[in-house]
Amino acid sequence: MEQRLLWGLEDAAVNRVEIQSAGPNLRDGKLPHVWYVIGRVWADNEEDGISATKICSGGSYFLRIEDGWVHMSEGAFPDFVG
């Protein structure tokens, strides 16, 4: 997830990357191998000569497989695949 959050921020001075929450997508405990992860990035960016700290956040689905975790987009119906 951290790599996904950093994608496209090559020109920014990243201060911190943090996973805010990670856990099974369904609260009732079904499909424990389908997780939704939310992360946040703090980065310094300069626009129009003004330096400012920007906060970017996002979430994504991950599916546990035998060898690790695989990212799944929401459009791929991760709960159905799981």
PDB file of N, CA and C in Angstrom:
ATOM      1  N   MET A   1       0.824  -1.187   0.000  1.00  0.00           N
ATOM      2  CA  MET A   1       0.000   0.000   0.000  1.00  0.00           C
ATOM      3  C   MET A   1       0.867   1.249   0.000  1.00  0.00           C
ATOM      4  N   GLU A   2       1.958   1.209   0.740  1.00  0.00           N
ATOM      5  CA  GLU A   2       2.827   2.379   0.770  1.00  0.00           C
ATOM      6  C   GLU A   2       3.351   2.711  -0.620  1.00  0.00           C
ATOM      7  N   GLN A   3       3.701   1.714  -1.409  1.00  0.00           N
ATOM      8  CA  GLN A   3       4.168   1.958  -2.771  1.00  0.00           C
ATOM      9  C   GLN A   3       3.071   2.559  -3.630  1.00  0.00           C
ATOM     10  N   ARG A   4       1.846   2.119  -3.457  1.00  0.00           N
ATOM     11  CA  ARG A   4       0.723   2.675  -4.211  1.00  0.00           C
ATOM     12  C   ARG A   4       0.486   4.133  -3.848  1.00  0.00           C
ATOM     13  N   LEU A   5       0.636   4.475  -2.574  1.00  0.00           N
ATOM     14  CA  LEU A   5       0.450   5.854  -2.142  1.00  0.00           C
ATOM     15  C   LEU A   5       1.528   6.777  -2.706  1.00  0.00           C
ATOM     16  N   LEU A   6       2.740   6.272  -2.863  1.00  0.00           N
ATOM     17  CA  LEU A   6       3.848   7.087  -3.349  1.00  0.00           C
ATOM     18  C   LEU A   6       3.867   7.232  -4.867  1.00  0.00           C
ATOM     19  N   TRP A   7       3.077   6.448  -5.563  1.00  0.00           N
ATOM     20  CA  TRP A   7       3.060   6.506  -7.022  1.00  0.00           C
ATOM     21  C   TRP A   7       2.634   7.901  -7.476  1.00  0.00           C
ATOM     22  N   GLY A   8       3.426   8.503  -8.345  1.00  0.00           N
ATOM     23  CA  GLY A   8       3.129   9.820  -8.880  1.00  0.00           C
ATOM     24  C   GLY A   8       3.644  10.968  -8.026  1.00  0.00           C
ATOM     25  N   LEU A   9       4.294  10.670  -6.926  1.00  0.00           N
ATOM     26  CA  LEU A   9       4.819  11.726  -6.054  1.00  0.00           C
ATOM     27  C   LEU A   9       6.339  11.819  -6.126  1.00  0.00           C
ATOM     28  N   GLU A  10       6.917  11.444  -7.264  1.00  0.00           N
ATOM     29  CA  GLU A  10       8.364  11.434  -7.404  1.00  0.00           C
ATOM     30  C   GLU A  10       8.977  12.820  -7.226  1.00  0.00           C
ATOM     31  N   ASP A  11       8.254  13.884  -7.615  1.00  0.00           N
ATOM     32  CA  ASP A  11       8.777  15.247  -7.536  1.00  0.00           C
ATOM     33  C   ASP A  11       8.496  15.923  -6.203  1.00  0.00           C
ATOM     34  N   ALA A  12       7.736  15.299  -5.353  1.00  0.00           N
ATOM     35  CA  ALA A  12       7.399  15.889  -4.053  1.00  0.00           C
ATOM     36  C   ALA A  12       8.406  15.426  -3.004  1.00  0.00           C
ATOM     37  N   ALA A  13       8.611  16.249  -2.013  1.00  0.00           N
ATOM     38  CA  ALA A  13       9.483  15.884  -0.899  1.00  0.00           C
ATOM     39  C   ALA A  13       8.611  15.208   0.164  1.00  0.00           C
ATOM     40  N   VAL A  14       8.543  13.887   0.106  1.00  0.00           N
ATOM     41  CA  VAL A  14       7.679  13.124   1.012  1.00  0.00           C
ATOM     42  C   VAL A  14       8.271  13.131   2.419  1.00  0.00           C
ATOM     43  N   ASN A  15       7.461  13.554   3.371  1.00  0.00           N
ATOM     44  CA  ASN A  15       7.872  13.597   4.775  1.00  0.00           C
ATOM     45  C   ASN A  15       7.521  12.319   5.514  1.00  0.00           C
ATOM     46  N   ARG A  16       6.335  11.790   5.226  1.00  0.00           N
ATOM     47  CA  ARG A  16       5.860  10.637   5.987  1.00  0.00           C
ATOM     48  C   ARG A  16       4.792   9.890   5.203  1.00  0.00           C
ATOM     49  N   VAL A  17       4.799   8.576   5.337  1.00  0.00           N
ATOM     50  CA  VAL A  17       3.765   7.704   4.784  1.00  0.00           C
ATOM     51  C   VAL A  17       3.226   6.886   5.942  1.00  0.00           C
ATOM     52  N   GLU A  18       1.910   6.826   6.052  1.00  0.00           N
ATOM     53  CA  GLU A  18       1.309   6.150   7.207  1.00  0.00           C
ATOM     54  C   GLU A  18       0.089   5.347   6.772  1.00  0.00           C
ATOM     55  N   ILE A  19      -0.001   4.125   7.265  1.00  0.00           N
ATOM     56  CA  ILE A  19      -1.198   3.321   7.071  1.00  0.00           C
ATOM     57  C   ILE A  19      -2.150   3.687   8.210  1.00  0.00           C
ATOM     58  N   GLN A  20      -3.284   4.279   7.863  1.00  0.00           N
ATOM     59  CA  GLN A  20      -4.241   4.708   8.880  1.00  0.00           C
ATOM     60  C   GLN A  20      -5.058   3.557   9.425  1.00  0.00           C
ATOM     61  N   SER A  21      -5.512   2.691   8.535  1.00  0.00           N
ATOM     62  CA  SER A  21      -6.267   1.529   8.976  1.00  0.00           C
ATOM     63  C   SER A  21      -6.131   0.416   7.954  1.00  0.00           C
ATOM     64  N   ALA A  22      -6.199  -0.786   8.436  1.00  0.00           N
ATOM     65  CA  ALA A  22      -6.128  -1.965   7.577  1.00  0.00           C
ATOM     66  C   ALA A  22      -6.867  -3.091   8.286  1.00  0.00           C
ATOM     67  N   GLY A  23      -7.736  -3.740   7.561  1.00  0.00           N
ATOM     68  CA  GLY A  23      -8.469  -4.838   8.161  1.00  0.00           C
ATOM     69  C   GLY A  23      -9.458  -5.437   7.190  1.00  0.00           C
ATOM     70  N   PRO A  24     -10.101  -6.510   7.602  1.00  0.00           N
ATOM     71  CA  PRO A  24     -11.082  -7.153   6.726  1.00  0.00           C
ATOM     72  C   PRO A  24     -12.134  -6.159   6.250  1.00  0.00           C
ATOM     73  N   ASN A  25     -12.510  -6.305   4.999  1.00  0.00           N
ATOM     74  CA  ASN A  25     -13.465  -5.385   4.398  1.00  0.00           C
ATOM     75  C   ASN A  25     -14.844  -5.502   5.035  1.00  0.00           C
ATOM     76  N   LEU A  26     -15.228  -6.697   5.425  1.00  0.00           N
ATOM     77  CA  LEU A  26     -16.543  -6.914   6.016  1.00  0.00           C
ATOM     78  C   LEU A  26     -16.428  -6.961   7.531  1.00  0.00           C
ATOM     79  N   ARG A  27     -17.227  -6.183   8.212  1.00  0.00           N
ATOM     80  CA  ARG A  27     -17.153  -6.093   9.675  1.00  0.00           C
ATOM     81  C   ARG A  27     -17.626  -7.354  10.388  1.00  0.00           C
ATOM     82  N   ASP A  28     -18.424  -8.163   9.712  1.00  0.00           N
ATOM     83  CA  ASP A  28     -18.947  -9.364  10.365  1.00  0.00           C
ATOM     84  C   ASP A  28     -17.948 -10.520  10.388  1.00  0.00           C
ATOM     85  N   GLY A  29     -16.740 -10.289   9.865  1.00  0.00           N
ATOM     86  CA  GLY A  29     -15.709 -11.317   9.908  1.00  0.00           C
ATOM     87  C   GLY A  29     -15.693 -12.253   8.718  1.00  0.00           C
ATOM     88  N   LYS A  30     -16.681 -12.135   7.833  1.00  0.00           N
ATOM     89  CA  LYS A  30     -16.680 -12.962   6.632  1.00  0.00           C
ATOM     90  C   LYS A  30     -15.598 -12.449   5.696  1.00  0.00           C
ATOM     91  N   LEU A  31     -15.058 -13.323   4.913  1.00  0.00           N
ATOM     92  CA  LEU A  31     -14.004 -13.007   3.952  1.00  0.00           C
ATOM     93  C   LEU A  31     -12.809 -12.318   4.621  1.00  0.00           C
ATOM     94  N   PRO A  32     -12.192 -12.958   5.607  1.00  0.00           N
ATOM     95  CA  PRO A  32     -11.069 -12.321   6.298  1.00  0.00           C
ATOM     96  C   PRO A  32      -9.854 -12.110   5.407  1.00  0.00           C
ATOM     97  N   HIS A  33      -9.836 -12.684   4.217  1.00  0.00           N
ATOM     98  CA  HIS A  33      -8.704 -12.535   3.306  1.00  0.00           C
ATOM     99  C   HIS A  33      -8.888 -11.371   2.324  1.00  0.00           C
ATOM    100  N   VAL A  34      -9.990 -10.634   2.420  1.00  0.00           N
ATOM    101  CA  VAL A  34     -10.205  -9.436   1.610  1.00  0.00           C
ATOM    102  C   VAL A  34     -10.126  -8.235   2.549  1.00  0.00           C
ATOM    103  N   TRP A  35      -9.071  -7.434   2.395  1.00  0.00           N
ATOM    104  CA  TRP A  35      -8.858  -6.293   3.281  1.00  0.00           C
ATOM    105  C   TRP A  35      -8.993  -4.981   2.527  1.00  0.00           C
ATOM    106  N   TYR A  36      -9.408  -3.967   3.260  1.00  0.00           N
ATOM    107  CA  TYR A  36      -9.416  -2.601   2.742  1.00  0.00           C
ATOM    108  C   TYR A  36      -8.409  -1.811   3.570  1.00  0.00           C
ATOM    109  N   VAL A  37      -7.493  -1.142   2.886  1.00  0.00           N
ATOM    110  CA  VAL A  37      -6.401  -0.434   3.542  1.00  0.00           C
ATOM    111  C   VAL A  37      -6.487   1.047   3.181  1.00  0.00           C
ATOM    112  N   ILE A  38      -6.382   1.902   4.199  1.00  0.00           N
ATOM    113  CA  ILE A  38      -6.400   3.350   3.989  1.00  0.00           C
ATOM    114  C   ILE A  38      -5.061   3.908   4.447  1.00  0.00           C
ATOM    115  N   GLY A  39      -4.456   4.719   3.581  1.00  0.00           N
ATOM    116  CA  GLY A  39      -3.160   5.302   3.907  1.00  0.00           C
ATOM    117  C   GLY A  39      -3.147   6.802   3.659  1.00  0.00           C
ATOM    118  N   ARG A  40      -2.111   7.447   4.179  1.00  0.00           N
ATOM    119  CA  ARG A  40      -1.981   8.901   4.050  1.00  0.00           C
ATOM    120  C   ARG A  40      -0.512   9.256   3.810  1.00  0.00           C
ATOM    121  N   VAL A  41      -0.285  10.272   2.986  1.00  0.00           N
ATOM    122  CA  VAL A  41       1.057  10.755   2.673  1.00  0.00           C
ATOM    123  C   VAL A  41       1.135  12.240   2.994  1.00  0.00           C
ATOM    124  N   TRP A  42       2.199  12.635   3.676  1.00  0.00           N
ATOM    125  CA  TRP A  42       2.487  14.052   3.912  1.00  0.00           C
ATOM    126  C   TRP A  42       3.686  14.392   3.045  1.00  0.00           C
ATOM    127  N   ALA A  43       3.562  15.432   2.216  1.00  0.00           N
ATOM    128  CA  ALA A  43       4.650  15.810   1.316  1.00  0.00           C
ATOM    129  C   ALA A  43       4.704  17.323   1.159  1.00  0.00           C
ATOM    130  N   ASP A  44       5.919  17.836   1.032  1.00  0.00           N
ATOM    131  CA  ASP A  44       6.109  19.251   0.748  1.00  0.00           C
ATOM    132  C   ASP A  44       6.067  19.431  -0.761  1.00  0.00           C
ATOM    133  N   ASN A  45       5.348  20.423  -1.183  1.00  0.00           N
ATOM    134  CA  ASN A  45       5.188  20.680  -2.609  1.00  0.00           C
ATOM    135  C   ASN A  45       5.247  22.188  -2.815  1.00  0.00           C
ATOM    136  N   GLU A  46       5.783  22.599  -3.925  1.00  0.00           N
ATOM    137  CA  GLU A  46       5.873  24.020  -4.208  1.00  0.00           C
ATOM    138  C   GLU A  46       5.077  24.337  -5.457  1.00  0.00           C
ATOM    139  N   GLU A  47       4.061  25.172  -5.311  1.00  0.00           N
ATOM    140  CA  GLU A  47       3.247  25.598  -6.435  1.00  0.00           C
ATOM    141  C   GLU A  47       3.250  27.115  -6.486  1.00  0.00           C
ATOM    142  N   ASP A  48       3.533  27.678  -7.636  1.00  0.00           N
ATOM    143  CA  ASP A  48       3.541  29.131  -7.815  1.00  0.00           C
ATOM    144  C   ASP A  48       4.455  29.818  -6.805  1.00  0.00           C
ATOM    145  N   GLY A  49       5.568  29.167  -6.468  1.00  0.00           N
ATOM    146  CA  GLY A  49       6.518  29.763  -5.547  1.00  0.00           C
ATOM    147  C   GLY A  49       6.122  29.672  -4.085  1.00  0.00           C
ATOM    148  N   ILE A  50       5.013  29.024  -3.802  1.00  0.00           N
ATOM    149  CA  ILE A  50       4.538  28.886  -2.418  1.00  0.00           C
ATOM    150  C   ILE A  50       4.783  27.451  -1.966  1.00  0.00           C
ATOM    151  N   SER A  51       5.518  27.312  -0.885  1.00  0.00           N
ATOM    152  CA  SER A  51       5.784  25.985  -0.348  1.00  0.00           C
ATOM    153  C   SER A  51       4.688  25.626   0.655  1.00  0.00           C
ATOM    154  N   ALA A  52       4.154  24.436   0.504  1.00  0.00           N
ATOM    155  CA  ALA A  52       3.075  24.006   1.393  1.00  0.00           C
ATOM    156  C   ALA A  52       3.161  22.506   1.612  1.00  0.00           C
ATOM    157  N   THR A  53       2.716  22.070   2.768  1.00  0.00           N
ATOM    158  CA  THR A  53       2.635  20.639   3.043  1.00  0.00           C
ATOM    159  C   THR A  53       1.261  20.159   2.602  1.00  0.00           C
ATOM    160  N   LYS A  54       1.260  19.168   1.741  1.00  0.00           N
ATOM    161  CA  LYS A  54       0.015  18.605   1.231  1.00  0.00           C
ATOM    162  C   LYS A  54      -0.205  17.245   1.868  1.00  0.00           C
ATOM    163  N   ILE A  55      -1.442  16.933   2.091  1.00  0.00           N
ATOM    164  CA  ILE A  55      -1.807  15.630   2.633  1.00  0.00           C
ATOM    165  C   ILE A  55      -2.656  14.913   1.590  1.00  0.00           C
ATOM    166  N   CYS A  56      -2.207  13.747   1.182  1.00  0.00           N
ATOM    167  CA  CYS A  56      -2.946  12.927   0.219  1.00  0.00           C
ATOM    168  C   CYS A  56      -3.332  11.634   0.924  1.00  0.00           C
ATOM    169  N   SER A  57      -4.533  11.180   0.690  1.00  0.00           N
ATOM    170  CA  SER A  57      -4.938   9.917   1.285  1.00  0.00           C
ATOM    171  C   SER A  57      -5.737   9.108   0.278  1.00  0.00           C
ATOM    172  N   GLY A  58      -5.815   7.827   0.532  1.00  0.00           N
ATOM    173  CA  GLY A  58      -6.563   6.951  -0.343  1.00  0.00           C
ATOM    174  C   GLY A  58      -6.694   5.569   0.248  1.00  0.00           C
ATOM    175  N   GLY A  59      -7.578   4.811  -0.325  1.00  0.00           N
ATOM    176  CA  GLY A  59      -7.798   3.448   0.139  1.00  0.00           C
ATOM    177  C   GLY A  59      -7.825   2.485  -1.026  1.00  0.00           C
ATOM    178  N   SER A  60      -7.581   1.228  -0.727  1.00  0.00           N
ATOM    179  CA  SER A  60      -7.541   0.215  -1.763  1.00  0.00           C
ATOM    180  C   SER A  60      -7.808  -1.160  -1.179  1.00  0.00           C
ATOM    181  N   TYR A  61      -8.247  -2.057  -2.029  1.00  0.00           N
ATOM    182  CA  TYR A  61      -8.516  -3.438  -1.632  1.00  0.00           C
ATOM    183  C   TYR A  61      -7.296  -4.318  -1.889  1.00  0.00           C
ATOM    184  N   PHE A  62      -7.099  -5.279  -0.999  1.00  0.00           N
ATOM    185  CA  PHE A  62      -6.037  -6.263  -1.159  1.00  0.00           C
ATOM    186  C   PHE A  62      -6.610  -7.640  -0.847  1.00  0.00           C
ATOM    187  N   LEU A  63      -6.152  -8.618  -1.604  1.00  0.00           N
ATOM    188  CA  LEU A  63      -6.613  -9.999  -1.461  1.00  0.00           C
ATOM    189  C   LEU A  63      -5.437 -10.867  -1.032  1.00  0.00           C
ATOM    190  N   ARG A  64      -5.616 -11.610   0.042  1.00  0.00           N
ATOM    191  CA  ARG A  64      -4.572 -12.503   0.551  1.00  0.00           C
ATOM    192  C   ARG A  64      -4.548 -13.759  -0.297  1.00  0.00           C
ATOM    193  N   ILE A  65      -3.387 -14.062  -0.826  1.00  0.00           N
ATOM    194  CA  ILE A  65      -3.193 -15.305  -1.571  1.00  0.00           C
ATOM    195  C   ILE A  65      -2.075 -16.098  -0.891  1.00  0.00           C
ATOM    196  N   GLU A  66      -1.775 -17.244  -1.417  1.00  0.00           N
ATOM    197  CA  GLU A  66      -0.806 -18.130  -0.776  1.00  0.00           C
ATOM    198  C   GLU A  66       0.559 -17.465  -0.585  1.00  0.00           C
ATOM    199  N   ASP A  67       1.020 -16.667  -1.542  1.00  0.00           N
ATOM    200  CA  ASP A  67       2.363 -16.094  -1.490  1.00  0.00           C
ATOM    201  C   ASP A  67       2.416 -14.662  -0.953  1.00  0.00           C
ATOM    202  N   GLY A  68       1.287 -14.085  -0.559  1.00  0.00           N
ATOM    203  CA  GLY A  68       1.315 -12.713  -0.052  1.00  0.00           C
ATOM    204  C   GLY A  68       0.005 -12.000  -0.345  1.00  0.00           C
ATOM    205  N   TRP A  69       0.092 -10.698  -0.623  1.00  0.00           N
ATOM    206  CA  TRP A  69      -1.077  -9.873  -0.870  1.00  0.00           C
ATOM    207  C   TRP A  69      -1.062  -9.358  -2.298  1.00  0.00           C
ATOM    208  N   VAL A  70      -2.247  -9.273  -2.902  1.00  0.00           N
ATOM    209  CA  VAL A  70      -2.406  -8.777  -4.270  1.00  0.00           C
ATOM    210  C   VAL A  70      -3.381  -7.608  -4.237  1.00  0.00           C
ATOM    211  N   HIS A  71      -3.008  -6.530  -4.896  1.00  0.00           N
ATOM    212  CA  HIS A  71      -3.909  -5.377  -4.989  1.00  0.00           C
ATOM    213  C   HIS A  71      -5.055  -5.706  -5.935  1.00  0.00           C
ATOM    214  N   MET A  72      -6.261  -5.269  -5.578  1.00  0.00           N
ATOM    215  CA  MET A  72      -7.429  -5.439  -6.449  1.00  0.00           C
ATOM    216  C   MET A  72      -8.176  -4.113  -6.497  1.00  0.00           C
ATOM    217  N   SER A  73      -8.488  -3.684  -7.699  1.00  0.00           N
ATOM    218  CA  SER A  73      -9.276  -2.462  -7.814  1.00  0.00           C
ATOM    219  C   SER A  73     -10.725  -2.757  -7.420  1.00  0.00           C
ATOM    220  N   GLU A  74     -11.434  -1.713  -7.041  1.00  0.00           N
ATOM    221  CA  GLU A  74     -12.826  -1.876  -6.627  1.00  0.00           C
ATOM    222  C   GLU A  74     -13.680  -2.438  -7.760  1.00  0.00           C
ATOM    223  N   GLY A  75     -13.361  -2.074  -8.982  1.00  0.00           N
ATOM    224  CA  GLY A  75     -14.096  -2.547 -10.144  1.00  0.00           C
ATOM    225  C   GLY A  75     -13.914  -4.029 -10.436  1.00  0.00           C
ATOM    226  N   ALA A  76     -12.921  -4.639  -9.814  1.00  0.00           N
ATOM    227  CA  ALA A  76     -12.679  -6.073 -10.008  1.00  0.00           C
ATOM    228  C   ALA A  76     -13.509  -6.916  -9.039  1.00  0.00           C
ATOM    229  N   PHE A  77     -14.402  -6.282  -8.284  1.00  0.00           N
ATOM    230  CA  PHE A  77     -15.290  -6.961  -7.337  1.00  0.00           C
ATOM    231  C   PHE A  77     -14.520  -7.839  -6.351  1.00  0.00           C
ATOM    232  N   PRO A  78     -13.685  -7.229  -5.508  1.00  0.00           N
ATOM    233  CA  PRO A  78     -12.847  -8.031  -4.604  1.00  0.00           C
ATOM    234  C   PRO A  78     -13.618  -8.933  -3.661  1.00  0.00           C
ATOM    235  N   ASP A  79     -14.786  -8.513  -3.197  1.00  0.00           N
ATOM    236  CA  ASP A  79     -15.565  -9.383  -2.308  1.00  0.00           C
ATOM    237  C   ASP A  79     -16.059 -10.623  -3.050  1.00  0.00           C
ATOM    238  N   PHE A  80     -16.460 -10.458  -4.297  1.00  0.00           N
ATOM    239  CA  PHE A  80     -16.920 -11.597  -5.089  1.00  0.00           C
ATOM    240  C   PHE A  80     -15.753 -12.541  -5.387  1.00  0.00           C
ATOM    241  N   VAL A  81     -14.613 -11.992  -5.787  1.00  0.00           N
ATOM    242  CA  VAL A  81     -13.444 -12.813  -6.089  1.00  0.00           C
ATOM    243  C   VAL A  81     -12.954 -13.517  -4.821  1.00  0.00           C
ATOM    244  N   GLY A  82     -12.979 -12.792  -3.696  1.00  0.00           N
ATOM    245  CA  GLY A  82     -12.533 -13.374  -2.421  1.00  0.00           C
ATOM    246  C   GLY A  82     -13.381 -14.533  -2.002  1.00  0.00           C
TER     247      GLY A  82
END
